[in-house]
Protein backbone atom coordinates (compact mmCIF):
# COMPACT_ATOMS: atom_id res chain seq x y z
CA UNK A 1 62.20 -40.78 -102.41
CA UNK A 2 61.58 -44.02 -104.22
CA UNK A 3 63.73 -44.15 -107.31
CA UNK A 4 64.85 -46.77 -109.77
CA UNK A 5 68.45 -46.84 -110.88
CA UNK A 6 69.61 -49.96 -112.65
CA UNK A 7 72.76 -51.29 -114.23
CA UNK A 8 73.57 -54.10 -116.62
CA UNK A 9 77.06 -55.37 -117.33
CA UNK A 10 78.37 -57.86 -119.83
CA UNK A 11 81.64 -58.83 -121.47
CA UNK A 12 80.02 -59.10 -124.91
CA UNK A 13 80.98 -56.30 -127.36
CA UNK A 14 77.49 -56.52 -128.90
CA UNK A 15 75.53 -56.04 -125.68
CA UNK A 16 75.64 -52.60 -124.04
CA UNK A 17 77.05 -51.85 -120.64
CA UNK A 18 74.57 -49.51 -119.02
CA UNK A 19 75.84 -47.37 -116.18
CA UNK A 20 73.52 -45.45 -113.87
CA UNK A 21 74.32 -41.75 -113.88
CA UNK A 22 71.84 -40.04 -111.56
CA UNK A 23 68.44 -40.20 -109.93
CA UNK A 24 66.32 -37.40 -108.48
CA UNK A 25 62.78 -36.26 -107.77
CA UNK A 26 60.86 -34.61 -110.58
CA UNK A 27 60.05 -30.90 -110.06
CA UNK A 28 57.05 -30.11 -107.92
CA UNK A 29 56.91 -33.61 -106.47
CA UNK A 30 55.49 -35.02 -109.70
CA UNK A 31 55.49 -38.83 -109.56
CA UNK A 32 58.17 -40.13 -111.88
CA UNK A 33 60.29 -43.12 -112.73
CA UNK A 34 63.77 -41.71 -112.23
CA UNK A 35 66.36 -43.51 -114.31
CA UNK A 36 69.20 -42.11 -116.36
CA UNK A 37 71.55 -44.39 -118.21
CA UNK A 38 74.58 -44.00 -120.43
CA UNK A 39 75.46 -46.32 -123.32
CA UNK A 40 79.01 -46.94 -124.55
CA UNK A 41 80.35 -44.94 -127.48
CA UNK A 42 80.03 -47.76 -130.02
CA UNK A 43 76.22 -47.68 -129.65
CA UNK A 44 75.85 -43.97 -130.33
CA UNK A 45 74.41 -42.59 -133.60
CA UNK A 46 72.63 -45.89 -134.36
CA UNK A 47 69.12 -44.74 -133.44
CA UNK A 48 69.15 -46.65 -130.14
CA UNK A 49 68.54 -43.54 -128.04
CA UNK A 50 65.76 -42.34 -130.34
CA UNK A 51 64.05 -45.74 -130.19
CA UNK A 52 64.29 -45.91 -126.39
CA UNK A 53 63.03 -42.34 -126.06
CA UNK A 54 60.09 -43.04 -128.40
CA UNK A 55 59.16 -46.12 -126.37
CA UNK A 56 59.38 -44.26 -123.08
CA UNK A 57 57.40 -41.27 -124.35
CA UNK A 58 54.68 -43.58 -125.72
CA UNK A 59 54.28 -44.98 -122.20
CA UNK A 60 54.27 -41.47 -120.71
CA UNK A 61 51.65 -40.37 -123.25
CA UNK A 62 49.50 -43.43 -122.54
CA UNK A 63 49.47 -42.36 -118.89
CA UNK A 64 48.66 -38.75 -119.80
CA UNK A 65 51.81 -37.64 -117.97
CA UNK A 66 54.47 -35.03 -118.61
CA UNK A 67 58.20 -35.81 -118.85
CA UNK A 68 61.24 -34.08 -117.32
CA UNK A 69 64.92 -34.61 -118.01
CA UNK A 70 68.26 -32.88 -117.79
CA UNK A 71 70.71 -32.81 -120.68
CA UNK A 72 74.27 -31.50 -120.74
CA UNK A 73 75.05 -31.78 -124.48
CA UNK A 74 73.72 -29.86 -127.47
CA UNK A 75 73.50 -33.10 -129.46
CA UNK A 76 71.20 -34.71 -126.91
CA UNK A 77 69.13 -31.54 -126.53
CA UNK A 78 68.46 -31.58 -130.30
CA UNK A 79 67.06 -35.11 -129.96
CA UNK A 80 64.82 -34.09 -127.06
CA UNK A 81 63.63 -30.90 -128.77
CA UNK A 82 62.55 -32.97 -131.80
CA UNK A 83 60.39 -35.04 -129.46
CA UNK A 84 58.56 -32.08 -127.97
CA UNK A 85 60.68 -31.07 -124.99
CA UNK A 86 61.22 -27.37 -124.23
CA UNK A 87 64.13 -25.76 -122.38
CA UNK A 88 62.78 -23.92 -119.33
CA UNK A 89 66.28 -23.05 -118.14
CA UNK A 90 69.89 -23.88 -117.51
CA UNK A 91 70.97 -25.57 -114.29
CA UNK A 92 74.17 -24.52 -112.55
CA UNK A 93 74.55 -27.11 -109.82
CA UNK A 94 77.25 -29.30 -111.40
CA UNK A 95 80.85 -28.12 -111.59
CA UNK A 96 82.25 -28.33 -115.10
CA UNK A 97 78.90 -29.15 -116.73
CA UNK A 98 76.09 -26.95 -117.93
CA UNK A 99 73.02 -29.18 -117.94
CA UNK A 100 69.74 -27.80 -119.20
CA UNK A 101 66.40 -28.71 -117.64
CA UNK A 102 63.93 -29.89 -120.27
CA UNK A 103 60.18 -30.37 -119.92
CA UNK A 104 57.59 -32.04 -122.16
CA UNK A 105 53.95 -31.34 -121.33
CA UNK A 106 51.50 -34.22 -121.15
CA UNK A 107 50.08 -35.29 -124.51
CA UNK A 108 46.74 -36.97 -124.37
CA UNK A 109 45.46 -38.57 -127.55
CA UNK A 110 41.91 -37.61 -128.49
CA UNK A 111 39.53 -40.56 -128.26
CA UNK A 112 38.54 -41.98 -131.63
CA UNK A 113 34.87 -42.32 -132.48
């Protein structure tokens, strides 16, 4: 499995500390860039996650690819549902958490004439 998990650390209160949380293969052996990161509390509810998700999904769409993720909070799932993800099912592999698998089918833009 070739995966990418990164981390960035800083002492500045205005620059996020990003901690890697997990990496895994996408279902069915689908090629994927596997990175999951967590931002500190002071950066939440500022639109940062929405902006990063929009950027990532634009790249996925440009490739004509689908997207897969796992989310363990209702708040995050609402964000992902707004961006076209569906909930194929709940995962039960983590003690104390109830993550939900989420899938977004490939979106290919129609060529303009």
